[in-house]
Amino acid sequence: MIQTAYATDALNTAAAGGGLLGGIVYFILIFGVFYFMFIRPQKKRAAAHLETVASLKIGMDIVTTSGMIGTITKITDFDVVIEVSKGNTVRLLKQAVAGPLSNFQPKKGTK
């Protein structure tokens, strides 16, 4: 009767995941899922935002990350000055620019 218990215990251990190798495989699998679901898309968004910031030009209508709309009147290395209404200007960091206004307007033919 004792021998049967040991045999059953050995079968359960083998079926439980293979020990250390099984744990490493699960860890790599979970890391792969996180990479393709979270890290990679975030890197793409960051690269697209850097490209948008690099393409800013004076006279461009933009939207800020806070939702403010204005026209760029001055650009320096780190910030931009936008005119939000006639005579009212706001100085922003370049990183606060969400993108051109045309990206946020609805396309023609959509409701």
PDB file of N, CA and C in Angstrom:
ATOM      1  N   MET A   1       0.814  -1.186   0.000  1.00  0.00           N
ATOM      2  CA  MET A   1       0.000   0.000   0.000  1.00  0.00           C
ATOM      3  C   MET A   1       0.865   1.260   0.000  1.00  0.00           C
ATOM      4  N   ILE A   2       1.970   1.274   0.707  1.00  0.00           N
ATOM      5  CA  ILE A   2       2.857   2.426   0.736  1.00  0.00           C
ATOM      6  C   ILE A   2       3.502   2.629  -0.625  1.00  0.00           C
ATOM      7  N   GLN A   3       3.839   1.573  -1.322  1.00  0.00           N
ATOM      8  CA  GLN A   3       4.452   1.694  -2.640  1.00  0.00           C
ATOM      9  C   GLN A   3       3.502   2.365  -3.637  1.00  0.00           C
ATOM     10  N   THR A   4       2.246   2.105  -3.556  1.00  0.00           N
ATOM     11  CA  THR A   4       1.258   2.717  -4.437  1.00  0.00           C
ATOM     12  C   THR A   4       1.210   4.229  -4.218  1.00  0.00           C
ATOM     13  N   ALA A   5       1.308   4.658  -2.990  1.00  0.00           N
ATOM     14  CA  ALA A   5       1.269   6.085  -2.680  1.00  0.00           C
ATOM     15  C   ALA A   5       2.475   6.800  -3.289  1.00  0.00           C
ATOM     16  N   TYR A   6       3.660   6.173  -3.228  1.00  0.00           N
ATOM     17  CA  TYR A   6       4.839   6.790  -3.833  1.00  0.00           C
ATOM     18  C   TYR A   6       4.722   6.862  -5.341  1.00  0.00           C
ATOM     19  N   ALA A   7       4.173   5.849  -5.955  1.00  0.00           N
ATOM     20  CA  ALA A   7       4.016   5.838  -7.404  1.00  0.00           C
ATOM     21  C   ALA A   7       3.048   6.932  -7.846  1.00  0.00           C
ATOM     22  N   THR A   8       1.982   7.122  -7.123  1.00  0.00           N
ATOM     23  CA  THR A   8       1.020   8.163  -7.457  1.00  0.00           C
ATOM     24  C   THR A   8       1.642   9.545  -7.284  1.00  0.00           C
ATOM     25  N   ASP A   9       2.438   9.727  -6.240  1.00  0.00           N
ATOM     26  CA  ASP A   9       3.108  10.996  -6.001  1.00  0.00           C
ATOM     27  C   ASP A   9       4.085  11.314  -7.132  1.00  0.00           C
ATOM     28  N   ALA A  10       4.800  10.347  -7.631  1.00  0.00           N
ATOM     29  CA  ALA A  10       5.740  10.552  -8.735  1.00  0.00           C
ATOM     30  C   ALA A  10       4.994  10.941 -10.006  1.00  0.00           C
ATOM     31  N   LEU A  11       3.846  10.353 -10.262  1.00  0.00           N
ATOM     32  CA  LEU A  11       3.065  10.705 -11.451  1.00  0.00           C
ATOM     33  C   LEU A  11       2.531  12.137 -11.350  1.00  0.00           C
ATOM     34  N   ASN A  12       2.084  12.529 -10.184  1.00  0.00           N
ATOM     35  CA  ASN A  12       1.572  13.893  -9.997  1.00  0.00           C
ATOM     36  C   ASN A  12       2.678  14.927 -10.185  1.00  0.00           C
ATOM     37  N   THR A  13       3.884  14.649  -9.722  1.00  0.00           N
ATOM     38  CA  THR A  13       5.000  15.573  -9.875  1.00  0.00           C
ATOM     39  C   THR A  13       5.367  15.737 -11.340  1.00  0.00           C
ATOM     40  N   ALA A  14       5.369  14.674 -12.099  1.00  0.00           N
ATOM     41  CA  ALA A  14       5.716  14.746 -13.517  1.00  0.00           C
ATOM     42  C   ALA A  14       4.662  15.516 -14.302  1.00  0.00           C
ATOM     43  N   ALA A  15       3.415  15.384 -13.931  1.00  0.00           N
ATOM     44  CA  ALA A  15       2.342  16.051 -14.656  1.00  0.00           C
ATOM     45  C   ALA A  15       2.163  17.507 -14.223  1.00  0.00           C
ATOM     46  N   ALA A  16       2.795  17.919 -13.141  1.00  0.00           N
ATOM     47  CA  ALA A  16       2.569  19.247 -12.588  1.00  0.00           C
ATOM     48  C   ALA A  16       3.294  20.358 -13.327  1.00  0.00           C
ATOM     49  N   GLY A  17       4.168  20.109 -14.256  1.00  0.00           N
ATOM     50  CA  GLY A  17       4.805  21.190 -14.981  1.00  0.00           C
ATOM     51  C   GLY A  17       6.268  20.959 -15.263  1.00  0.00           C
ATOM     52  N   GLY A  18       6.830  19.915 -14.853  1.00  0.00           N
ATOM     53  CA  GLY A  18       8.207  19.618 -15.196  1.00  0.00           C
ATOM     54  C   GLY A  18       9.246  20.322 -14.360  1.00  0.00           C
ATOM     55  N   GLY A  19       8.888  20.902 -13.253  1.00  0.00           N
ATOM     56  CA  GLY A  19       9.870  21.499 -12.361  1.00  0.00           C
ATOM     57  C   GLY A  19      10.397  22.833 -12.858  1.00  0.00           C
ATOM     58  N   LEU A  20      11.710  22.998 -12.780  1.00  0.00           N
ATOM     59  CA  LEU A  20      12.367  24.268 -13.093  1.00  0.00           C
ATOM     60  C   LEU A  20      12.205  24.657 -14.561  1.00  0.00           C
ATOM     61  N   LEU A  21      12.344  23.720 -15.452  1.00  0.00           N
ATOM     62  CA  LEU A  21      12.225  24.020 -16.884  1.00  0.00           C
ATOM     63  C   LEU A  21      10.823  24.522 -17.232  1.00  0.00           C
ATOM     64  N   GLY A  22       9.815  23.913 -16.659  1.00  0.00           N
ATOM     65  CA  GLY A  22       8.443  24.360 -16.898  1.00  0.00           C
ATOM     66  C   GLY A  22       8.207  25.769 -16.386  1.00  0.00           C
ATOM     67  N   GLY A  23       8.786  26.103 -15.232  1.00  0.00           N
ATOM     68  CA  GLY A  23       8.652  27.452 -14.677  1.00  0.00           C
ATOM     69  C   GLY A  23       9.308  28.494 -15.556  1.00  0.00           C
ATOM     70  N   ILE A  24      10.461  28.167 -16.111  1.00  0.00           N
ATOM     71  CA  ILE A  24      11.163  29.103 -16.998  1.00  0.00           C
ATOM     72  C   ILE A  24      10.360  29.325 -18.278  1.00  0.00           C
ATOM     73  N   VAL A  25       9.791  28.255 -18.807  1.00  0.00           N
ATOM     74  CA  VAL A  25       8.988  28.380 -20.030  1.00  0.00           C
ATOM     75  C   VAL A  25       7.778  29.269 -19.786  1.00  0.00           C
ATOM     76  N   TYR A  26       7.103  29.113 -18.645  1.00  0.00           N
ATOM     77  CA  TYR A  26       5.951  29.955 -18.329  1.00  0.00           C
ATOM     78  C   TYR A  26       6.372  31.414 -18.158  1.00  0.00           C
ATOM     79  N   PHE A  27       7.505  31.645 -17.516  1.00  0.00           N
ATOM     80  CA  PHE A  27       8.006  33.009 -17.332  1.00  0.00           C
ATOM     81  C   PHE A  27       8.284  33.665 -18.679  1.00  0.00           C
ATOM     82  N   ILE A  28       8.933  32.956 -19.585  1.00  0.00           N
ATOM     83  CA  ILE A  28       9.229  33.495 -20.920  1.00  0.00           C
ATOM     84  C   ILE A  28       7.944  33.754 -21.691  1.00  0.00           C
ATOM     85  N   LEU A  29       6.990  32.861 -21.567  1.00  0.00           N
ATOM     86  CA  LEU A  29       5.702  33.040 -22.248  1.00  0.00           C
ATOM     87  C   LEU A  29       4.972  34.277 -21.736  1.00  0.00           C
ATOM     88  N   ILE A  30       4.947  34.476 -20.428  1.00  0.00           N
ATOM     89  CA  ILE A  30       4.273  35.641 -19.854  1.00  0.00           C
ATOM     90  C   ILE A  30       4.985  36.927 -20.267  1.00  0.00           C
ATOM     91  N   PHE A  31       6.327  36.925 -20.261  1.00  0.00           N
ATOM     92  CA  PHE A  31       7.076  38.102 -20.695  1.00  0.00           C
ATOM     93  C   PHE A  31       6.774  38.422 -22.154  1.00  0.00           C
ATOM     94  N   GLY A  32       6.686  37.395 -23.004  1.00  0.00           N
ATOM     95  CA  GLY A  32       6.368  37.603 -24.417  1.00  0.00           C
ATOM     96  C   GLY A  32       5.002  38.236 -24.605  1.00  0.00           C
ATOM     97  N   VAL A  33       4.025  37.778 -23.848  1.00  0.00           N
ATOM     98  CA  VAL A  33       2.680  38.351 -23.936  1.00  0.00           C
ATOM     99  C   VAL A  33       2.704  39.819 -23.514  1.00  0.00           C
ATOM    100  N   PHE A  34       3.372  40.129 -22.409  1.00  0.00           N
ATOM    101  CA  PHE A  34       3.466  41.518 -21.958  1.00  0.00           C
ATOM    102  C   PHE A  34       4.187  42.378 -22.981  1.00  0.00           C
ATOM    103  N   TYR A  35       5.238  41.854 -23.595  1.00  0.00           N
ATOM    104  CA  TYR A  35       5.980  42.630 -24.579  1.00  0.00           C
ATOM    105  C   TYR A  35       5.087  42.992 -25.760  1.00  0.00           C
ATOM    106  N   PHE A  36       4.384  42.019 -26.319  1.00  0.00           N
ATOM    107  CA  PHE A  36       3.580  42.292 -27.511  1.00  0.00           C
ATOM    108  C   PHE A  36       2.286  43.033 -27.209  1.00  0.00           C
ATOM    109  N   MET A  37       1.801  42.992 -25.975  1.00  0.00           N
ATOM    110  CA  MET A  37       0.558  43.682 -25.656  1.00  0.00           C
ATOM    111  C   MET A  37       0.770  45.074 -25.062  1.00  0.00           C
ATOM    112  N   PHE A  38       1.907  45.303 -24.385  1.00  0.00           N
ATOM    113  CA  PHE A  38       2.089  46.571 -23.695  1.00  0.00           C
ATOM    114  C   PHE A  38       3.339  47.337 -24.132  1.00  0.00           C
ATOM    115  N   ILE A  39       4.485  46.701 -24.124  1.00  0.00           N
ATOM    116  CA  ILE A  39       5.740  47.411 -24.360  1.00  0.00           C
ATOM    117  C   ILE A  39       5.864  47.850 -25.811  1.00  0.00           C
ATOM    118  N   ARG A  40       5.653  46.950 -26.751  1.00  0.00           N
ATOM    119  CA  ARG A  40       5.815  47.271 -28.174  1.00  0.00           C
ATOM    120  C   ARG A  40       4.853  48.362 -28.647  1.00  0.00           C
ATOM    121  N   PRO A  41       3.551  48.279 -28.346  1.00  0.00           N
ATOM    122  CA  PRO A  41       2.649  49.370 -28.773  1.00  0.00           C
ATOM    123  C   PRO A  41       3.009  50.724 -28.156  1.00  0.00           C
ATOM    124  N   GLN A  42       3.471  50.718 -26.899  1.00  0.00           N
ATOM    125  CA  GLN A  42       3.858  51.981 -26.271  1.00  0.00           C
ATOM    126  C   GLN A  42       5.064  52.593 -26.962  1.00  0.00           C
ATOM    127  N   LYS A  43       6.020  51.771 -27.374  1.00  0.00           N
ATOM    128  CA  LYS A  43       7.182  52.276 -28.099  1.00  0.00           C
ATOM    129  C   LYS A  43       6.765  52.871 -29.440  1.00  0.00           C
ATOM    130  N   LYS A  44       5.803  52.250 -30.114  1.00  0.00           N
ATOM    131  CA  LYS A  44       5.314  52.785 -31.391  1.00  0.00           C
ATOM    132  C   LYS A  44       4.628  54.127 -31.191  1.00  0.00           C
ATOM    133  N   ARG A  45       3.805  54.244 -30.145  1.00  0.00           N
ATOM    134  CA  ARG A  45       3.129  55.525 -29.867  1.00  0.00           C
ATOM    135  C   ARG A  45       4.142  56.611 -29.534  1.00  0.00           C
ATOM    136  N   ALA A  46       5.164  56.274 -28.759  1.00  0.00           N
ATOM    137  CA  ALA A  46       6.188  57.263 -28.396  1.00  0.00           C
ATOM    138  C   ALA A  46       6.955  57.723 -29.631  1.00  0.00           C
ATOM    139  N   ALA A  47       7.286  56.798 -30.524  1.00  0.00           N
ATOM    140  CA  ALA A  47       8.001  57.169 -31.748  1.00  0.00           C
ATOM    141  C   ALA A  47       7.132  58.053 -32.638  1.00  0.00           C
ATOM    142  N   ALA A  48       5.835  57.743 -32.730  1.00  0.00           N
ATOM    143  CA  ALA A  48       4.921  58.563 -33.529  1.00  0.00           C
ATOM    144  C   ALA A  48       4.790  59.964 -32.927  1.00  0.00           C
ATOM    145  N   HIS A  49       4.757  60.069 -31.589  1.00  0.00           N
ATOM    146  CA  HIS A  49       4.653  61.380 -30.953  1.00  0.00           C
ATOM    147  C   HIS A  49       5.922  62.201 -31.191  1.00  0.00           C
ATOM    148  N   LEU A  50       7.081  61.572 -31.116  1.00  0.00           N
ATOM    149  CA  LEU A  50       8.331  62.287 -31.398  1.00  0.00           C
ATOM    150  C   LEU A  50       8.362  62.790 -32.833  1.00  0.00           C
ATOM    151  N   GLU A  51       7.845  61.996 -33.749  1.00  0.00           N
ATOM    152  CA  GLU A  51       7.772  62.407 -35.156  1.00  0.00           C
ATOM    153  C   GLU A  51       6.824  63.595 -35.321  1.00  0.00           C
ATOM    154  N   THR A  52       5.706  63.576 -34.611  1.00  0.00           N
ATOM    155  CA  THR A  52       4.751  64.679 -34.662  1.00  0.00           C
ATOM    156  C   THR A  52       5.380  65.958 -34.107  1.00  0.00           C
ATOM    157  N   VAL A  53       6.072  65.859 -32.987  1.00  0.00           N
ATOM    158  CA  VAL A  53       6.714  67.023 -32.382  1.00  0.00           C
ATOM    159  C   VAL A  53       7.795  67.580 -33.309  1.00  0.00           C
ATOM    160  N   ALA A  54       8.519  66.717 -33.979  1.00  0.00           N
ATOM    161  CA  ALA A  54       9.585  67.169 -34.890  1.00  0.00           C
ATOM    162  C   ALA A  54       9.017  67.871 -36.120  1.00  0.00           C
ATOM    163  N   SER A  55       7.771  67.574 -36.480  1.00  0.00           N
ATOM    164  CA  SER A  55       7.189  68.153 -37.693  1.00  0.00           C
ATOM    165  C   SER A  55       6.417  69.452 -37.440  1.00  0.00           C
ATOM    166  N   LEU A  56       6.481  70.005 -36.244  1.00  0.00           N
ATOM    167  CA  LEU A  56       5.759  71.251 -35.938  1.00  0.00           C
ATOM    168  C   LEU A  56       6.345  72.418 -36.729  1.00  0.00           C
ATOM    169  N   LYS A  57       5.441  73.277 -37.233  1.00  0.00           N
ATOM    170  CA  LYS A  57       5.853  74.447 -38.009  1.00  0.00           C
ATOM    171  C   LYS A  57       5.029  75.656 -37.567  1.00  0.00           C
ATOM    172  N   ILE A  58       5.601  76.829 -37.732  1.00  0.00           N
ATOM    173  CA  ILE A  58       4.885  78.062 -37.402  1.00  0.00           C
ATOM    174  C   ILE A  58       3.671  78.192 -38.316  1.00  0.00           C
ATOM    175  N   GLY A  59       2.543  78.578 -37.721  1.00  0.00           N
ATOM    176  CA  GLY A  59       1.302  78.734 -38.470  1.00  0.00           C
ATOM    177  C   GLY A  59       0.420  77.487 -38.441  1.00  0.00           C
ATOM    178  N   MET A  60       0.919  76.399 -37.896  1.00  0.00           N
ATOM    179  CA  MET A  60       0.166  75.145 -37.835  1.00  0.00           C
ATOM    180  C   MET A  60      -0.868  75.215 -36.710  1.00  0.00           C
ATOM    181  N   ASP A  61      -2.096  74.802 -37.010  1.00  0.00           N
ATOM    182  CA  ASP A  61      -3.132  74.698 -35.979  1.00  0.00           C
ATOM    183  C   ASP A  61      -2.944  73.372 -35.260  1.00  0.00           C
ATOM    184  N   ILE A  62      -2.861  73.424 -33.911  1.00  0.00           N
ATOM    185  CA  ILE A  62      -2.583  72.226 -33.130  1.00  0.00           C
ATOM    186  C   ILE A  62      -3.589  72.061 -32.000  1.00  0.00           C
ATOM    187  N   VAL A  63      -3.582  70.870 -31.423  1.00  0.00           N
ATOM    188  CA  VAL A  63      -4.344  70.558 -30.221  1.00  0.00           C
ATOM    189  C   VAL A  63      -3.339  70.108 -29.173  1.00  0.00           C
ATOM    190  N   THR A  64      -3.496  70.614 -27.952  1.00  0.00           N
ATOM    191  CA  THR A  64      -2.598  70.200 -26.870  1.00  0.00           C
ATOM    192  C   THR A  64      -3.178  68.979 -26.168  1.00  0.00           C
ATOM    193  N   THR A  65      -2.382  68.365 -25.311  1.00  0.00           N
ATOM    194  CA  THR A  65      -2.859  67.191 -24.587  1.00  0.00           C
ATOM    195  C   THR A  65      -3.990  67.537 -23.626  1.00  0.00           C
ATOM    196  N   SER A  66      -4.108  68.803 -23.246  1.00  0.00           N
ATOM    197  CA  SER A  66      -5.207  69.221 -22.372  1.00  0.00           C
ATOM    198  C   SER A  66      -6.452  69.614 -23.161  1.00  0.00           C
ATOM    199  N   GLY A  67      -6.359  69.605 -24.501  1.00  0.00           N
ATOM    200  CA  GLY A  67      -7.510  69.906 -25.334  1.00  0.00           C
ATOM    201  C   GLY A  67      -7.573  71.336 -25.827  1.00  0.00           C
ATOM    202  N   MET A  68      -6.569  72.138 -25.539  1.00  0.00           N
ATOM    203  CA  MET A  68      -6.540  73.522 -25.991  1.00  0.00           C
ATOM    204  C   MET A  68      -6.159  73.565 -27.474  1.00  0.00           C
ATOM    205  N   ILE A  69      -6.830  74.419 -28.230  1.00  0.00           N
ATOM    206  CA  ILE A  69      -6.578  74.551 -29.661  1.00  0.00           C
ATOM    207  C   ILE A  69      -5.948  75.912 -29.908  1.00  0.00           C
ATOM    208  N   GLY A  70      -4.917  75.939 -30.741  1.00  0.00           N
ATOM    209  CA  GLY A  70      -4.265  77.204 -31.046  1.00  0.00           C
ATOM    210  C   GLY A  70      -3.394  77.100 -32.279  1.00  0.00           C
ATOM    211  N   THR A  71      -2.815  78.234 -32.661  1.00  0.00           N
ATOM    212  CA  THR A  71      -1.933  78.319 -33.824  1.00  0.00           C
ATOM    213  C   THR A  71      -0.524  78.620 -33.329  1.00  0.00           C
ATOM    214  N   ILE A  72       0.456  77.881 -33.825  1.00  0.00           N
ATOM    215  CA  ILE A  72       1.845  78.071 -33.395  1.00  0.00           C
ATOM    216  C   ILE A  72       2.369  79.400 -33.937  1.00  0.00           C
ATOM    217  N   THR A  73       2.935  80.222 -33.022  1.00  0.00           N
ATOM    218  CA  THR A  73       3.524  81.494 -33.435  1.00  0.00           C
ATOM    219  C   THR A  73       5.041  81.511 -33.265  1.00  0.00           C
ATOM    220  N   LYS A  74       5.567  80.640 -32.399  1.00  0.00           N
ATOM    221  CA  LYS A  74       7.015  80.596 -32.160  1.00  0.00           C
ATOM    222  C   LYS A  74       7.400  79.192 -31.714  1.00  0.00           C
ATOM    223  N   ILE A  75       8.557  78.728 -32.196  1.00  0.00           N
ATOM    224  CA  ILE A  75       9.061  77.410 -31.818  1.00  0.00           C
ATOM    225  C   ILE A  75      10.510  77.559 -31.359  1.00  0.00           C
ATOM    226  N   THR A  76      10.832  76.971 -30.200  1.00  0.00           N
ATOM    227  CA  THR A  76      12.226  76.893 -29.742  1.00  0.00           C
ATOM    228  C   THR A  76      12.577  75.414 -29.588  1.00  0.00           C
ATOM    229  N   ASP A  77      13.744  75.147 -29.016  1.00  0.00           N
ATOM    230  CA  ASP A  77      14.173  73.753 -28.862  1.00  0.00           C
ATOM    231  C   ASP A  77      13.268  72.951 -27.935  1.00  0.00           C
ATOM    232  N   PHE A  78      12.749  73.583 -26.887  1.00  0.00           N
ATOM    233  CA  PHE A  78      11.991  72.857 -25.876  1.00  0.00           C
ATOM    234  C   PHE A  78      10.518  73.236 -25.783  1.00  0.00           C
ATOM    235  N   ASP A  79      10.148  74.390 -26.307  1.00  0.00           N
ATOM    236  CA  ASP A  79       8.764  74.818 -26.154  1.00  0.00           C
ATOM    237  C   ASP A  79       8.224  75.475 -27.413  1.00  0.00           C
ATOM    238  N   VAL A  80       6.905  75.683 -27.401  1.00  0.00           N
ATOM    239  CA  VAL A  80       6.221  76.382 -28.487  1.00  0.00           C
ATOM    240  C   VAL A  80       5.325  77.442 -27.856  1.00  0.00           C
ATOM    241  N   VAL A  81       5.078  78.494 -28.614  1.00  0.00           N
ATOM    242  CA  VAL A  81       4.131  79.525 -28.195  1.00  0.00           C
ATOM    243  C   VAL A  81       2.964  79.438 -29.155  1.00  0.00           C
ATOM    244  N   ILE A  82       1.760  79.280 -28.596  1.00  0.00           N
ATOM    245  CA  ILE A  82       0.572  79.209 -29.455  1.00  0.00           C
ATOM    246  C   ILE A  82      -0.343  80.374 -29.133  1.00  0.00           C
ATOM    247  N   GLU A  83      -1.040  80.816 -30.154  1.00  0.00           N
ATOM    248  CA  GLU A  83      -2.037  81.867 -29.987  1.00  0.00           C
ATOM    249  C   GLU A  83      -3.391  81.178 -29.915  1.00  0.00           C
ATOM    250  N   VAL A  84      -4.045  81.282 -28.758  1.00  0.00           N
ATOM    251  CA  VAL A  84      -5.327  80.612 -28.562  1.00  0.00           C
ATOM    252  C   VAL A  84      -6.504  81.494 -28.970  1.00  0.00           C
ATOM    253  N   SER A  85      -6.317  82.789 -28.901  1.00  0.00           N
ATOM    254  CA  SER A  85      -7.287  83.748 -29.431  1.00  0.00           C
ATOM    255  C   SER A  85      -6.495  85.005 -29.759  1.00  0.00           C
ATOM    256  N   LYS A  86      -7.120  85.939 -30.445  1.00  0.00           N
ATOM    257  CA  LYS A  86      -6.396  87.119 -30.904  1.00  0.00           C
ATOM    258  C   LYS A  86      -5.763  87.857 -29.719  1.00  0.00           C
ATOM    259  N   GLY A  87      -4.433  87.900 -29.723  1.00  0.00           N
ATOM    260  CA  GLY A  87      -3.698  88.606 -28.684  1.00  0.00           C
ATOM    261  C   GLY A  87      -3.371  87.778 -27.444  1.00  0.00           C
ATOM    262  N   ASN A  88      -3.917  86.576 -27.321  1.00  0.00           N
ATOM    263  CA  ASN A  88      -3.648  85.725 -26.152  1.00  0.00           C
ATOM    264  C   ASN A  88      -2.754  84.561 -26.551  1.00  0.00           C
ATOM    265  N   THR A  89      -1.569  84.530 -25.964  1.00  0.00           N
ATOM    266  CA  THR A  89      -0.629  83.456 -26.285  1.00  0.00           C
ATOM    267  C   THR A  89      -0.353  82.613 -25.046  1.00  0.00           C
ATOM    268  N   VAL A  90       0.013  81.364 -25.311  1.00  0.00           N
ATOM    269  CA  VAL A  90       0.339  80.421 -24.251  1.00  0.00           C
ATOM    270  C   VAL A  90       1.642  79.740 -24.629  1.00  0.00           C
ATOM    271  N   ARG A  91       2.523  79.620 -23.667  1.00  0.00           N
ATOM    272  CA  ARG A  91       3.807  78.938 -23.887  1.00  0.00           C
ATOM    273  C   ARG A  91       3.701  77.519 -23.335  1.00  0.00           C
ATOM    274  N   LEU A  92       4.019  76.525 -24.170  1.00  0.00           N
ATOM    275  CA  LEU A  92       3.893  75.112 -23.805  1.00  0.00           C
ATOM    276  C   LEU A  92       5.180  74.361 -24.094  1.00  0.00           C
ATOM    277  N   LEU A  93       5.401  73.289 -23.371  1.00  0.00           N
ATOM    278  CA  LEU A  93       6.457  72.364 -23.749  1.00  0.00           C
ATOM    279  C   LEU A  93       6.038  71.649 -25.033  1.00  0.00           C
ATOM    280  N   LYS A  94       6.998  71.300 -25.862  1.00  0.00           N
ATOM    281  CA  LYS A  94       6.675  70.600 -27.100  1.00  0.00           C
ATOM    282  C   LYS A  94       5.965  69.278 -26.828  1.00  0.00           C
ATOM    283  N   GLN A  95       6.309  68.633 -25.721  1.00  0.00           N
ATOM    284  CA  GLN A  95       5.699  67.343 -25.391  1.00  0.00           C
ATOM    285  C   GLN A  95       4.209  67.458 -25.077  1.00  0.00           C
ATOM    286  N   ALA A  96       3.721  68.683 -24.811  1.00  0.00           N
ATOM    287  CA  ALA A  96       2.312  68.886 -24.507  1.00  0.00           C
ATOM    288  C   ALA A  96       1.458  69.009 -25.765  1.00  0.00           C
ATOM    289  N   VAL A  97       2.081  68.965 -26.932  1.00  0.00           N
ATOM    290  CA  VAL A  97       1.335  69.039 -28.191  1.00  0.00           C
ATOM    291  C   VAL A  97       0.860  67.634 -28.550  1.00  0.00           C
ATOM    292  N   ALA A  98      -0.463  67.466 -28.669  1.00  0.00           N
ATOM    293  CA  ALA A  98      -1.010  66.156 -29.023  1.00  0.00           C
ATOM    294  C   ALA A  98      -0.894  65.901 -30.520  1.00  0.00           C
ATOM    295  N   GLY A  99      -1.026  66.946 -31.319  1.00  0.00           N
ATOM    296  CA  GLY A  99      -0.905  66.785 -32.757  1.00  0.00           C
ATOM    297  C   GLY A  99      -1.602  67.887 -33.518  1.00  0.00           C
ATOM    298  N   PRO A 100      -1.555  67.802 -34.846  1.00  0.00           N
ATOM    299  CA  PRO A 100      -2.247  68.806 -35.668  1.00  0.00           C
ATOM    300  C   PRO A 100      -3.759  68.717 -35.480  1.00  0.00           C
ATOM    301  N   LEU A 101      -4.416  69.852 -35.609  1.00  0.00           N
ATOM    302  CA  LEU A 101      -5.871  69.899 -35.441  1.00  0.00           C
ATOM    303  C   LEU A 101      -6.574  68.994 -36.441  1.00  0.00           C
ATOM    304  N   SER A 102      -6.012  68.853 -37.630  1.00  0.00           N
ATOM    305  CA  SER A 102      -6.656  68.026 -38.659  1.00  0.00           C
ATOM    306  C   SER A 102      -6.779  66.567 -38.234  1.00  0.00           C
ATOM    307  N   ASN A 103      -5.921  66.087 -37.341  1.00  0.00           N
ATOM    308  CA  ASN A 103      -6.012  64.702 -36.865  1.00  0.00           C
ATOM    309  C   ASN A 103      -7.201  64.486 -35.944  1.00  0.00           C
ATOM    310  N   PHE A 104      -7.725  65.558 -35.360  1.00  0.00           N
ATOM    311  CA  PHE A 104      -8.795  65.432 -34.370  1.00  0.00           C
ATOM    312  C   PHE A 104     -10.163  65.829 -34.913  1.00  0.00           C
ATOM    313  N   GLN A 105     -10.217  66.360 -36.138  1.00  0.00           N
ATOM    314  CA  GLN A 105     -11.487  66.736 -36.728  1.00  0.00           C
ATOM    315  C   GLN A 105     -12.111  65.511 -37.405  1.00  0.00           C
ATOM    316  N   PRO A 106     -13.437  65.406 -37.341  1.00  0.00           N
ATOM    317  CA  PRO A 106     -14.087  64.244 -37.981  1.00  0.00           C
ATOM    318  C   PRO A 106     -13.911  64.282 -39.492  1.00  0.00           C
ATOM    319  N   LYS A 107     -13.764  63.113 -40.066  1.00  0.00           N
ATOM    320  CA  LYS A 107     -13.624  63.009 -41.530  1.00  0.00           C
ATOM    321  C   LYS A 107     -14.964  63.320 -42.174  1.00  0.00           C
ATOM    322  N   LYS A 108     -14.934  63.840 -43.403  1.00  0.00           N
ATOM    323  CA  LYS A 108     -16.172  64.134 -44.115  1.00  0.00           C
ATOM    324  C   LYS A 108     -16.879  62.825 -44.436  1.00  0.00           C
ATOM    325  N   GLY A 109     -18.176  62.846 -44.265  1.00  0.00           N
ATOM    326  CA  GLY A 109     -18.981  61.659 -44.554  1.00  0.00           C
ATOM    327  C   GLY A 109     -19.243  60.813 -43.307  1.00  0.00           C
ATOM    328  N   THR A 110     -18.633  61.161 -42.162  1.00  0.00           N
ATOM    329  CA  THR A 110     -18.902  60.439 -40.924  1.00  0.00           C
ATOM    330  C   THR A 110     -19.762  61.301 -40.033  1.00  0.00           C
ATOM    331  N   LYS A 111     -20.510  60.686 -39.172  1.00  0.00           N
ATOM    332  CA  LYS A 111     -21.427  61.427 -38.286  1.00  0.00           C
ATOM    333  C   LYS A 111     -20.789  61.713 -36.981  1.00  0.00           C
TER     334      LYS A 111
END
